[in-house]
mmCIF file of all heavy atoms, coordinates in Angstrom:
data_MODEL
# 
_entry.id   MODEL 
# 
loop_
_atom_site.group_PDB 
_atom_site.id 
_atom_site.type_symbol 
_atom_site.label_atom_id 
_atom_site.label_alt_id 
_atom_site.label_comp_id 
_atom_site.label_asym_id 
_atom_site.label_entity_id 
_atom_site.label_seq_id 
_atom_site.pdbx_PDB_ins_code 
_atom_site.Cartn_x 
_atom_site.Cartn_y 
_atom_site.Cartn_z 
_atom_site.occupancy 
_atom_site.B_iso_or_equiv 
_atom_site.pdbx_formal_charge 
_atom_site.auth_seq_id 
_atom_site.auth_comp_id 
_atom_site.auth_asym_id 
_atom_site.auth_atom_id 
_atom_site.pdbx_PDB_model_num 
ATOM 1   N N   . ALA A 1 1  ? 2.899  -7.058  -15.167 1.00 0.00 ? 1  ALA A N   1 
ATOM 2   C CA  . ALA A 1 1  ? 2.004  -6.331  -14.274 1.00 0.00 ? 1  ALA A CA  1 
ATOM 3   C C   . ALA A 1 1  ? 2.655  -4.993  -13.945 1.00 0.00 ? 1  ALA A C   1 
ATOM 4   O O   . ALA A 1 1  ? 3.868  -4.924  -13.720 1.00 0.00 ? 1  ALA A O   1 
ATOM 5   C CB  . ALA A 1 1  ? 1.752  -7.115  -12.984 1.00 0.00 ? 1  ALA A CB  1 
ATOM 6   N N   . VAL A 1 2  ? 1.848  -3.940  -13.931 1.00 0.00 ? 2  VAL A N   1 
ATOM 7   C CA  . VAL A 1 2  ? 2.375  -2.601  -13.649 1.00 0.00 ? 2  VAL A CA  1 
ATOM 8   C C   . VAL A 1 2  ? 1.596  -1.995  -12.483 1.00 0.00 ? 2  VAL A C   1 
ATOM 9   O O   . VAL A 1 2  ? 0.502  -1.446  -12.663 1.00 0.00 ? 2  VAL A O   1 
ATOM 10  C CB  . VAL A 1 2  ? 2.282  -1.697  -14.891 1.00 0.00 ? 2  VAL A CB  1 
ATOM 11  C CG1 . VAL A 1 2  ? 2.809  -0.294  -14.574 1.00 0.00 ? 2  VAL A CG1 1 
ATOM 12  C CG2 . VAL A 1 2  ? 3.065  -2.306  -16.053 1.00 0.00 ? 2  VAL A CG2 1 
ATOM 13  N N   . PRO A 1 3  ? 2.117  -2.126  -11.254 1.00 0.00 ? 3  PRO A N   1 
ATOM 14  C CA  . PRO A 1 3  ? 1.436  -1.544  -10.086 1.00 0.00 ? 3  PRO A CA  1 
ATOM 15  C C   . PRO A 1 3  ? 1.307  -0.031  -10.221 1.00 0.00 ? 3  PRO A C   1 
ATOM 16  O O   . PRO A 1 3  ? 2.185  0.647   -10.768 1.00 0.00 ? 3  PRO A O   1 
ATOM 17  C CB  . PRO A 1 3  ? 2.361  -1.921  -8.928  1.00 0.00 ? 3  PRO A CB  1 
ATOM 18  C CG  . PRO A 1 3  ? 3.107  -3.122  -9.414  1.00 0.00 ? 3  PRO A CG  1 
ATOM 19  C CD  . PRO A 1 3  ? 3.313  -2.880  -10.873 1.00 0.00 ? 3  PRO A CD  1 
ATOM 20  N N   . ASP A 1 4  ? 0.206  0.485   -9.686  1.00 0.00 ? 4  ASP A N   1 
ATOM 21  C CA  . ASP A 1 4  ? -0.099 1.899   -9.870  1.00 0.00 ? 4  ASP A CA  1 
ATOM 22  C C   . ASP A 1 4  ? -0.969 2.371   -8.704  1.00 0.00 ? 4  ASP A C   1 
ATOM 23  O O   . ASP A 1 4  ? -1.793 1.625   -8.184  1.00 0.00 ? 4  ASP A O   1 
ATOM 24  C CB  . ASP A 1 4  ? -0.851 2.076   -11.205 1.00 0.00 ? 4  ASP A CB  1 
ATOM 25  C CG  . ASP A 1 4  ? -1.152 3.518   -11.539 1.00 0.00 ? 4  ASP A CG  1 
ATOM 26  O OD1 . ASP A 1 4  ? -0.309 4.381   -11.257 1.00 0.00 ? 4  ASP A OD1 1 
ATOM 27  O OD2 . ASP A 1 4  ? -2.232 3.777   -12.108 1.00 0.00 ? 4  ASP A OD2 1 
ATOM 28  N N   . ARG A 1 5  ? -0.765 3.598   -8.292  1.00 0.00 ? 5  ARG A N   1 
ATOM 29  C CA  . ARG A 1 5  ? -1.587 4.221   -7.254  1.00 0.00 ? 5  ARG A CA  1 
ATOM 30  C C   . ARG A 1 5  ? -1.719 3.362   -5.996  1.00 0.00 ? 5  ARG A C   1 
ATOM 31  O O   . ARG A 1 5  ? -2.809 3.013   -5.557  1.00 0.00 ? 5  ARG A O   1 
ATOM 32  C CB  . ARG A 1 5  ? -2.956 4.588   -7.820  1.00 0.00 ? 5  ARG A CB  1 
ATOM 33  C CG  . ARG A 1 5  ? -2.872 5.749   -8.807  1.00 0.00 ? 5  ARG A CG  1 
ATOM 34  C CD  . ARG A 1 5  ? -4.221 6.230   -9.268  1.00 0.00 ? 5  ARG A CD  1 
ATOM 35  N NE  . ARG A 1 5  ? -4.080 7.492   -9.998  1.00 0.00 ? 5  ARG A NE  1 
ATOM 36  C CZ  . ARG A 1 5  ? -5.069 8.111   -10.641 1.00 0.00 ? 5  ARG A CZ  1 
ATOM 37  N NH1 . ARG A 1 5  ? -6.280 7.573   -10.629 1.00 0.00 ? 5  ARG A NH1 1 
ATOM 38  N NH2 . ARG A 1 5  ? -4.867 9.242   -11.277 1.00 0.00 ? 5  ARG A NH2 1 
ATOM 39  N N   . ILE A 1 6  ? -0.581 3.023   -5.440  1.00 0.00 ? 6  ILE A N   1 
ATOM 40  C CA  . ILE A 1 6  ? -0.557 2.334   -4.145  1.00 0.00 ? 6  ILE A CA  1 
ATOM 41  C C   . ILE A 1 6  ? -0.719 3.411   -3.070  1.00 0.00 ? 6  ILE A C   1 
ATOM 42  O O   . ILE A 1 6  ? 0.164  4.251   -2.885  1.00 0.00 ? 6  ILE A O   1 
ATOM 43  C CB  . ILE A 1 6  ? 0.769  1.568   -3.948  1.00 0.00 ? 6  ILE A CB  1 
ATOM 44  C CG1 . ILE A 1 6  ? 1.091  0.719   -5.192  1.00 0.00 ? 6  ILE A CG1 1 
ATOM 45  C CG2 . ILE A 1 6  ? 0.718  0.725   -2.696  1.00 0.00 ? 6  ILE A CG2 1 
ATOM 46  C CD1 . ILE A 1 6  ? 0.039  -0.308  -5.530  1.00 0.00 ? 6  ILE A CD1 1 
ATOM 47  N N   . ARG A 1 7  ? -1.848 3.379   -2.374  1.00 0.00 ? 7  ARG A N   1 
ATOM 48  C CA  . ARG A 1 7  ? -2.175 4.477   -1.477  1.00 0.00 ? 7  ARG A CA  1 
ATOM 49  C C   . ARG A 1 7  ? -2.591 3.973   -0.103  1.00 0.00 ? 7  ARG A C   1 
ATOM 50  O O   . ARG A 1 7  ? -3.246 2.942   0.004   1.00 0.00 ? 7  ARG A O   1 
ATOM 51  C CB  . ARG A 1 7  ? -3.318 5.317   -2.073  1.00 0.00 ? 7  ARG A CB  1 
ATOM 52  C CG  . ARG A 1 7  ? -2.926 6.044   -3.351  1.00 0.00 ? 7  ARG A CG  1 
ATOM 53  C CD  . ARG A 1 7  ? -4.101 6.768   -3.950  1.00 0.00 ? 7  ARG A CD  1 
ATOM 54  N NE  . ARG A 1 7  ? -3.696 7.619   -5.068  1.00 0.00 ? 7  ARG A NE  1 
ATOM 55  C CZ  . ARG A 1 7  ? -4.539 8.269   -5.849  1.00 0.00 ? 7  ARG A CZ  1 
ATOM 56  N NH1 . ARG A 1 7  ? -5.847 8.168   -5.640  1.00 0.00 ? 7  ARG A NH1 1 
ATOM 57  N NH2 . ARG A 1 7  ? -4.099 9.026   -6.835  1.00 0.00 ? 7  ARG A NH2 1 
ATOM 58  N N   . THR A 1 8  ? -2.213 4.739   0.910   1.00 0.00 ? 8  THR A N   1 
ATOM 59  C CA  . THR A 1 8  ? -2.652 4.490   2.278   1.00 0.00 ? 8  THR A CA  1 
ATOM 60  C C   . THR A 1 8  ? -3.146 5.804   2.863   1.00 0.00 ? 8  THR A C   1 
ATOM 61  O O   . THR A 1 8  ? -2.462 6.832   2.731   1.00 0.00 ? 8  THR A O   1 
ATOM 62  C CB  . THR A 1 8  ? -1.496 3.944   3.139   1.00 0.00 ? 8  THR A CB  1 
ATOM 63  O OG1 . THR A 1 8  ? -0.988 2.742   2.559   1.00 0.00 ? 8  THR A OG1 1 
ATOM 64  C CG2 . THR A 1 8  ? -1.973 3.651   4.543   1.00 0.00 ? 8  THR A CG2 1 
ATOM 65  N N   . GLU A 1 9  ? -4.304 5.776   3.487   1.00 0.00 ? 9  GLU A N   1 
ATOM 66  C CA  . GLU A 1 9  ? -4.810 6.978   4.132   1.00 0.00 ? 9  GLU A CA  1 
ATOM 67  C C   . GLU A 1 9  ? -3.833 7.434   5.216   1.00 0.00 ? 9  GLU A C   1 
ATOM 68  O O   . GLU A 1 9  ? -3.216 6.620   5.903   1.00 0.00 ? 9  GLU A O   1 
ATOM 69  C CB  . GLU A 1 9  ? -6.183 6.718   4.742   1.00 0.00 ? 9  GLU A CB  1 
ATOM 70  C CG  . GLU A 1 9  ? -7.281 6.490   3.716   1.00 0.00 ? 9  GLU A CG  1 
ATOM 71  C CD  . GLU A 1 9  ? -7.498 7.689   2.824   1.00 0.00 ? 9  GLU A CD  1 
ATOM 72  O OE1 . GLU A 1 9  ? -7.569 8.824   3.348   1.00 0.00 ? 9  GLU A OE1 1 
ATOM 73  O OE2 . GLU A 1 9  ? -7.589 7.504   1.587   1.00 0.00 ? 9  GLU A OE2 1 
ATOM 74  N N   . GLU A 1 10 ? -3.711 8.747   5.350   1.00 0.00 ? 10 GLU A N   1 
ATOM 75  C CA  . GLU A 1 10 ? -2.668 9.315   6.206   1.00 0.00 ? 10 GLU A CA  1 
ATOM 76  C C   . GLU A 1 10 ? -2.713 8.774   7.631   1.00 0.00 ? 10 GLU A C   1 
ATOM 77  O O   . GLU A 1 10 ? -1.669 8.491   8.235   1.00 0.00 ? 10 GLU A O   1 
ATOM 78  C CB  . GLU A 1 10 ? -2.796 10.840  6.219   1.00 0.00 ? 10 GLU A CB  1 
ATOM 79  C CG  . GLU A 1 10 ? -1.674 11.532  6.974   1.00 0.00 ? 10 GLU A CG  1 
ATOM 80  C CD  . GLU A 1 10 ? -1.699 13.036  6.808   1.00 0.00 ? 10 GLU A CD  1 
ATOM 81  O OE1 . GLU A 1 10 ? -2.573 13.542  6.074   1.00 0.00 ? 10 GLU A OE1 1 
ATOM 82  O OE2 . GLU A 1 10 ? -0.841 13.703  7.421   1.00 0.00 ? 10 GLU A OE2 1 
ATOM 83  N N   . ALA A 1 11 ? -3.892 8.597   8.181   1.00 0.00 ? 11 ALA A N   1 
ATOM 84  C CA  . ALA A 1 11 ? -4.004 8.153   9.579   1.00 0.00 ? 11 ALA A CA  1 
ATOM 85  C C   . ALA A 1 11 ? -3.505 6.726   9.778   1.00 0.00 ? 11 ALA A C   1 
ATOM 86  O O   . ALA A 1 11 ? -3.269 6.307   10.918  1.00 0.00 ? 11 ALA A O   1 
ATOM 87  C CB  . ALA A 1 11 ? -5.454 8.257   10.046  1.00 0.00 ? 11 ALA A CB  1 
ATOM 88  N N   . TYR A 1 12 ? -3.312 5.978   8.672   1.00 0.00 ? 12 TYR A N   1 
ATOM 89  C CA  . TYR A 1 12 ? -2.929 4.567   8.773   1.00 0.00 ? 12 TYR A CA  1 
ATOM 90  C C   . TYR A 1 12 ? -1.538 4.295   8.195   1.00 0.00 ? 12 TYR A C   1 
ATOM 91  O O   . TYR A 1 12 ? -1.158 3.139   8.023   1.00 0.00 ? 12 TYR A O   1 
ATOM 92  C CB  . TYR A 1 12 ? -3.969 3.698   8.057   1.00 0.00 ? 12 TYR A CB  1 
ATOM 93  C CG  . TYR A 1 12 ? -5.326 3.733   8.714   1.00 0.00 ? 12 TYR A CG  1 
ATOM 94  C CD1 . TYR A 1 12 ? -6.281 4.670   8.315   1.00 0.00 ? 12 TYR A CD1 1 
ATOM 95  C CD2 . TYR A 1 12 ? -5.642 2.862   9.743   1.00 0.00 ? 12 TYR A CD2 1 
ATOM 96  C CE1 . TYR A 1 12 ? -7.518 4.721   8.925   1.00 0.00 ? 12 TYR A CE1 1 
ATOM 97  C CE2 . TYR A 1 12 ? -6.885 2.903   10.363  1.00 0.00 ? 12 TYR A CE2 1 
ATOM 98  C CZ  . TYR A 1 12 ? -7.816 3.841   9.948   1.00 0.00 ? 12 TYR A CZ  1 
ATOM 99  O OH  . TYR A 1 12 ? -9.047 3.883   10.560  1.00 0.00 ? 12 TYR A OH  1 
ATOM 100 N N   . ARG A 1 13 ? -0.787 5.336   7.909   1.00 0.00 ? 13 ARG A N   1 
ATOM 101 C CA  . ARG A 1 13 ? 0.526  5.149   7.325   1.00 0.00 ? 13 ARG A CA  1 
ATOM 102 C C   . ARG A 1 13 ? 1.539  4.679   8.358   1.00 0.00 ? 13 ARG A C   1 
ATOM 103 O O   . ARG A 1 13 ? 1.331  4.786   9.546   1.00 0.00 ? 13 ARG A O   1 
ATOM 104 C CB  . ARG A 1 13 ? 0.994  6.457   6.670   1.00 0.00 ? 13 ARG A CB  1 
ATOM 105 C CG  . ARG A 1 13 ? 0.180  6.797   5.418   1.00 0.00 ? 13 ARG A CG  1 
ATOM 106 C CD  . ARG A 1 13 ? 0.548  8.130   4.814   1.00 0.00 ? 13 ARG A CD  1 
ATOM 107 N NE  . ARG A 1 13 ? -0.325 8.434   3.690   1.00 0.00 ? 13 ARG A NE  1 
ATOM 108 C CZ  . ARG A 1 13 ? -0.390 9.609   3.085   1.00 0.00 ? 13 ARG A CZ  1 
ATOM 109 N NH1 . ARG A 1 13 ? 0.384  10.612  3.502   1.00 0.00 ? 13 ARG A NH1 1 
ATOM 110 N NH2 . ARG A 1 13 ? -1.221 9.790   2.070   1.00 0.00 ? 13 ARG A NH2 1 
ATOM 111 N N   . ARG A 1 14 ? 2.630  4.130   7.840   1.00 0.00 ? 14 ARG A N   1 
ATOM 112 C CA  . ARG A 1 14 ? 3.738  3.607   8.656   1.00 0.00 ? 14 ARG A CA  1 
ATOM 113 C C   . ARG A 1 14 ? 3.311  2.432   9.526   1.00 0.00 ? 14 ARG A C   1 
ATOM 114 O O   . ARG A 1 14 ? 3.821  2.246   10.637  1.00 0.00 ? 14 ARG A O   1 
ATOM 115 C CB  . ARG A 1 14 ? 4.369  4.721   9.499   1.00 0.00 ? 14 ARG A CB  1 
ATOM 116 C CG  . ARG A 1 14 ? 4.921  5.859   8.653   1.00 0.00 ? 14 ARG A CG  1 
ATOM 117 C CD  . ARG A 1 14 ? 5.729  6.837   9.458   1.00 0.00 ? 14 ARG A CD  1 
ATOM 118 N NE  . ARG A 1 14 ? 6.219  7.930   8.625   1.00 0.00 ? 14 ARG A NE  1 
ATOM 119 C CZ  . ARG A 1 14 ? 7.306  7.865   7.857   1.00 0.00 ? 14 ARG A CZ  1 
ATOM 120 N NH1 . ARG A 1 14 ? 8.012  6.757   7.821   1.00 0.00 ? 14 ARG A NH1 1 
ATOM 121 N NH2 . ARG A 1 14 ? 7.676  8.898   7.135   1.00 0.00 ? 14 ARG A NH2 1 
ATOM 122 N N   . ARG A 1 15 ? 2.364  1.651   9.022   1.00 0.00 ? 15 ARG A N   1 
ATOM 123 C CA  . ARG A 1 15 ? 1.939  0.453   9.736   1.00 0.00 ? 15 ARG A CA  1 
ATOM 124 C C   . ARG A 1 15 ? 2.087  -0.805  8.869   1.00 0.00 ? 15 ARG A C   1 
ATOM 125 O O   . ARG A 1 15 ? 1.596  -1.863  9.240   1.00 0.00 ? 15 ARG A O   1 
ATOM 126 C CB  . ARG A 1 15 ? 0.489  0.581   10.179  1.00 0.00 ? 15 ARG A CB  1 
ATOM 127 C CG  . ARG A 1 15 ? 0.193  1.788   11.045  1.00 0.00 ? 15 ARG A CG  1 
ATOM 128 C CD  . ARG A 1 15 ? -1.180 1.676   11.673  1.00 0.00 ? 15 ARG A CD  1 
ATOM 129 N NE  . ARG A 1 15 ? -1.640 2.931   12.238  1.00 0.00 ? 15 ARG A NE  1 
ATOM 130 C CZ  . ARG A 1 15 ? -2.761 3.068   12.922  1.00 0.00 ? 15 ARG A CZ  1 
ATOM 131 N NH1 . ARG A 1 15 ? -3.540 2.017   13.136  1.00 0.00 ? 15 ARG A NH1 1 
ATOM 132 N NH2 . ARG A 1 15 ? -3.133 4.240   13.386  1.00 0.00 ? 15 ARG A NH2 1 
ATOM 133 N N   . GLY A 1 16 ? 2.731  -0.664  7.701   1.00 0.00 ? 16 GLY A N   1 
ATOM 134 C CA  . GLY A 1 16 ? 2.959  -1.813  6.836   1.00 0.00 ? 16 GLY A CA  1 
ATOM 135 C C   . GLY A 1 16 ? 1.859  -2.079  5.832   1.00 0.00 ? 16 GLY A C   1 
ATOM 136 O O   . GLY A 1 16 ? 1.904  -3.098  5.132   1.00 0.00 ? 16 GLY A O   1 
ATOM 137 N N   . LEU A 1 17 ? 0.894  -1.172  5.716   1.00 0.00 ? 17 LEU A N   1 
ATOM 138 C CA  . LEU A 1 17 ? -0.204 -1.413  4.786   1.00 0.00 ? 17 LEU A CA  1 
ATOM 139 C C   . LEU A 1 17 ? 0.242  -1.317  3.328   1.00 0.00 ? 17 LEU A C   1 
ATOM 140 O O   . LEU A 1 17 ? -0.234 -2.073  2.475   1.00 0.00 ? 17 LEU A O   1 
ATOM 141 C CB  . LEU A 1 17 ? -1.343 -0.420  5.048   1.00 0.00 ? 17 LEU A CB  1 
ATOM 142 C CG  . LEU A 1 17 ? -2.292 -0.785  6.184   1.00 0.00 ? 17 LEU A CG  1 
ATOM 143 C CD1 . LEU A 1 17 ? -3.194 0.396   6.518   1.00 0.00 ? 17 LEU A CD1 1 
ATOM 144 C CD2 . LEU A 1 17 ? -3.125 -2.014  5.814   1.00 0.00 ? 17 LEU A CD2 1 
ATOM 145 N N   . GLY A 1 18 ? 1.148  -0.390  3.029   1.00 0.00 ? 18 GLY A N   1 
ATOM 146 C CA  . GLY A 1 18 ? 1.633  -0.272  1.658   1.00 0.00 ? 18 GLY A CA  1 
ATOM 147 C C   . GLY A 1 18 ? 2.321  -1.543  1.197   1.00 0.00 ? 18 GLY A C   1 
ATOM 148 O O   . GLY A 1 18 ? 2.095  -2.030  0.083   1.00 0.00 ? 18 GLY A O   1 
ATOM 149 N N   . LEU A 1 19 ? 3.159  -2.104  2.074   1.00 0.00 ? 19 LEU A N   1 
ATOM 150 C CA  . LEU A 1 19 ? 3.840  -3.358  1.764   1.00 0.00 ? 19 LEU A CA  1 
ATOM 151 C C   . LEU A 1 19 ? 2.830  -4.485  1.596   1.00 0.00 ? 19 LEU A C   1 
ATOM 152 O O   . LEU A 1 19 ? 2.920  -5.303  0.665   1.00 0.00 ? 19 LEU A O   1 
ATOM 153 C CB  . LEU A 1 19 ? 4.828  -3.686  2.883   1.00 0.00 ? 19 LEU A CB  1 
ATOM 154 C CG  . LEU A 1 19 ? 5.619  -4.983  2.746   1.00 0.00 ? 19 LEU A CG  1 
ATOM 155 C CD1 . LEU A 1 19 ? 6.474  -4.957  1.495   1.00 0.00 ? 19 LEU A CD1 1 
ATOM 156 C CD2 . LEU A 1 19 ? 6.487  -5.202  3.980   1.00 0.00 ? 19 LEU A CD2 1 
ATOM 157 N N   . PHE A 1 20 ? 1.845  -4.545  2.469   1.00 0.00 ? 20 PHE A N   1 
ATOM 158 C CA  . PHE A 1 20 ? 0.823  -5.583  2.382   1.00 0.00 ? 20 PHE A CA  1 
ATOM 159 C C   . PHE A 1 20 ? 0.060  -5.490  1.066   1.00 0.00 ? 20 PHE A C   1 
ATOM 160 O O   . PHE A 1 20 ? -0.130 -6.501  0.371   1.00 0.00 ? 20 PHE A O   1 
ATOM 161 C CB  . PHE A 1 20 ? -0.156 -5.464  3.548   1.00 0.00 ? 20 PHE A CB  1 
ATOM 162 C CG  . PHE A 1 20 ? -1.333 -6.392  3.448   1.00 0.00 ? 20 PHE A CG  1 
ATOM 163 C CD1 . PHE A 1 20 ? -1.238 -7.698  3.884   1.00 0.00 ? 20 PHE A CD1 1 
ATOM 164 C CD2 . PHE A 1 20 ? -2.533 -5.949  2.903   1.00 0.00 ? 20 PHE A CD2 1 
ATOM 165 C CE1 . PHE A 1 20 ? -2.327 -8.564  3.775   1.00 0.00 ? 20 PHE A CE1 1 
ATOM 166 C CE2 . PHE A 1 20 ? -3.626 -6.801  2.790   1.00 0.00 ? 20 PHE A CE2 1 
ATOM 167 C CZ  . PHE A 1 20 ? -3.518 -8.112  3.232   1.00 0.00 ? 20 PHE A CZ  1 
ATOM 168 N N   . VAL A 1 21 ? -0.402 -4.295  0.713   1.00 0.00 ? 21 VAL A N   1 
ATOM 169 C CA  . VAL A 1 21 ? -1.166 -4.117  -0.528  1.00 0.00 ? 21 VAL A CA  1 
ATOM 170 C C   . VAL A 1 21 ? -0.325 -4.513  -1.738  1.00 0.00 ? 21 VAL A C   1 
ATOM 171 O O   . VAL A 1 21 ? -0.807 -5.217  -2.636  1.00 0.00 ? 21 VAL A O   1 
ATOM 172 C CB  . VAL A 1 21 ? -1.652 -2.661  -0.654  1.00 0.00 ? 21 VAL A CB  1 
ATOM 173 C CG1 . VAL A 1 21 ? -2.167 -2.384  -2.065  1.00 0.00 ? 21 VAL A CG1 1 
ATOM 174 C CG2 . VAL A 1 21 ? -2.748 -2.381  0.358   1.00 0.00 ? 21 VAL A CG2 1 
ATOM 175 N N   . MET A 1 22 ? 0.926  -4.086  -1.776  1.00 0.00 ? 22 MET A N   1 
ATOM 176 C CA  . MET A 1 22 ? 1.766  -4.412  -2.919  1.00 0.00 ? 22 MET A CA  1 
ATOM 177 C C   . MET A 1 22 ? 1.978  -5.924  -3.043  1.00 0.00 ? 22 MET A C   1 
ATOM 178 O O   . MET A 1 22 ? 1.882  -6.490  -4.142  1.00 0.00 ? 22 MET A O   1 
ATOM 179 C CB  . MET A 1 22 ? 3.112  -3.696  -2.812  1.00 0.00 ? 22 MET A CB  1 
ATOM 180 C CG  . MET A 1 22 ? 4.071  -4.025  -3.947  1.00 0.00 ? 22 MET A CG  1 
ATOM 181 S SD  . MET A 1 22 ? 3.458  -3.538  -5.570  1.00 0.00 ? 22 MET A SD  1 
ATOM 182 C CE  . MET A 1 22 ? 4.099  -1.882  -5.660  1.00 0.00 ? 22 MET A CE  1 
ATOM 183 N N   . ARG A 1 23 ? 2.253  -6.598  -1.936  1.00 0.00 ? 23 ARG A N   1 
ATOM 184 C CA  . ARG A 1 23 ? 2.475  -8.037  -1.997  1.00 0.00 ? 23 ARG A CA  1 
ATOM 185 C C   . ARG A 1 23 ? 1.217  -8.779  -2.433  1.00 0.00 ? 23 ARG A C   1 
ATOM 186 O O   . ARG A 1 23 ? 1.279  -9.702  -3.253  1.00 0.00 ? 23 ARG A O   1 
ATOM 187 C CB  . ARG A 1 23 ? 2.971  -8.545  -0.643  1.00 0.00 ? 23 ARG A CB  1 
ATOM 188 C CG  . ARG A 1 23 ? 4.368  -8.045  -0.281  1.00 0.00 ? 23 ARG A CG  1 
ATOM 189 C CD  . ARG A 1 23 ? 4.805  -8.559  1.073   1.00 0.00 ? 23 ARG A CD  1 
ATOM 190 N NE  . ARG A 1 23 ? 5.007  -10.004 1.062   1.00 0.00 ? 23 ARG A NE  1 
ATOM 191 C CZ  . ARG A 1 23 ? 5.220  -10.732 2.152   1.00 0.00 ? 23 ARG A CZ  1 
ATOM 192 N NH1 . ARG A 1 23 ? 5.243  -10.148 3.335   1.00 0.00 ? 23 ARG A NH1 1 
ATOM 193 N NH2 . ARG A 1 23 ? 5.411  -12.030 2.066   1.00 0.00 ? 23 ARG A NH2 1 
ATOM 194 N N   . ARG A 1 24 ? 0.074  -8.390  -1.908  1.00 0.00 ? 24 ARG A N   1 
ATOM 195 C CA  . ARG A 1 24 ? -1.172 -9.044  -2.321  1.00 0.00 ? 24 ARG A CA  1 
ATOM 196 C C   . ARG A 1 24 ? -1.508 -8.736  -3.775  1.00 0.00 ? 24 ARG A C   1 
ATOM 197 O O   . ARG A 1 24 ? -2.011 -9.589  -4.512  1.00 0.00 ? 24 ARG A O   1 
ATOM 198 C CB  . ARG A 1 24 ? -2.315 -8.605  -1.410  1.00 0.00 ? 24 ARG A CB  1 
ATOM 199 C CG  . ARG A 1 24 ? -2.241 -9.185  -0.008  1.00 0.00 ? 24 ARG A CG  1 
ATOM 200 C CD  . ARG A 1 24 ? -2.322 -10.723 -0.005  1.00 0.00 ? 24 ARG A CD  1 
ATOM 201 N NE  . ARG A 1 24 ? -3.569 -11.221 -0.552  1.00 0.00 ? 24 ARG A NE  1 
ATOM 202 C CZ  . ARG A 1 24 ? -4.615 -11.592 0.167   1.00 0.00 ? 24 ARG A CZ  1 
ATOM 203 N NH1 . ARG A 1 24 ? -4.567 -11.495 1.488   1.00 0.00 ? 24 ARG A NH1 1 
ATOM 204 N NH2 . ARG A 1 24 ? -5.695 -12.060 -0.404  1.00 0.00 ? 24 ARG A NH2 1 
ATOM 205 N N   . LEU A 1 25 ? -1.221 -7.508  -4.209  1.00 0.00 ? 25 LEU A N   1 
ATOM 206 C CA  . LEU A 1 25 ? -1.493 -7.116  -5.591  1.00 0.00 ? 25 LEU A CA  1 
ATOM 207 C C   . LEU A 1 25 ? -0.640 -7.924  -6.568  1.00 0.00 ? 25 LEU A C   1 
ATOM 208 O O   . LEU A 1 25 ? -1.135 -8.430  -7.589  1.00 0.00 ? 25 LEU A O   1 
ATOM 209 C CB  . LEU A 1 25 ? -1.223 -5.622  -5.755  1.00 0.00 ? 25 LEU A CB  1 
ATOM 210 C CG  . LEU A 1 25 ? -1.587 -4.986  -7.095  1.00 0.00 ? 25 LEU A CG  1 
ATOM 211 C CD1 . LEU A 1 25 ? -3.089 -5.058  -7.334  1.00 0.00 ? 25 LEU A CD1 1 
ATOM 212 C CD2 . LEU A 1 25 ? -1.131 -3.526  -7.111  1.00 0.00 ? 25 LEU A CD2 1 
# 
């Protein structure tokens, strides 16, 4: 699997969403 384009809208950054998306992906 090759994760790509992990993105969080600026207003929601630094809240753990990137980590959540990557783990679920």
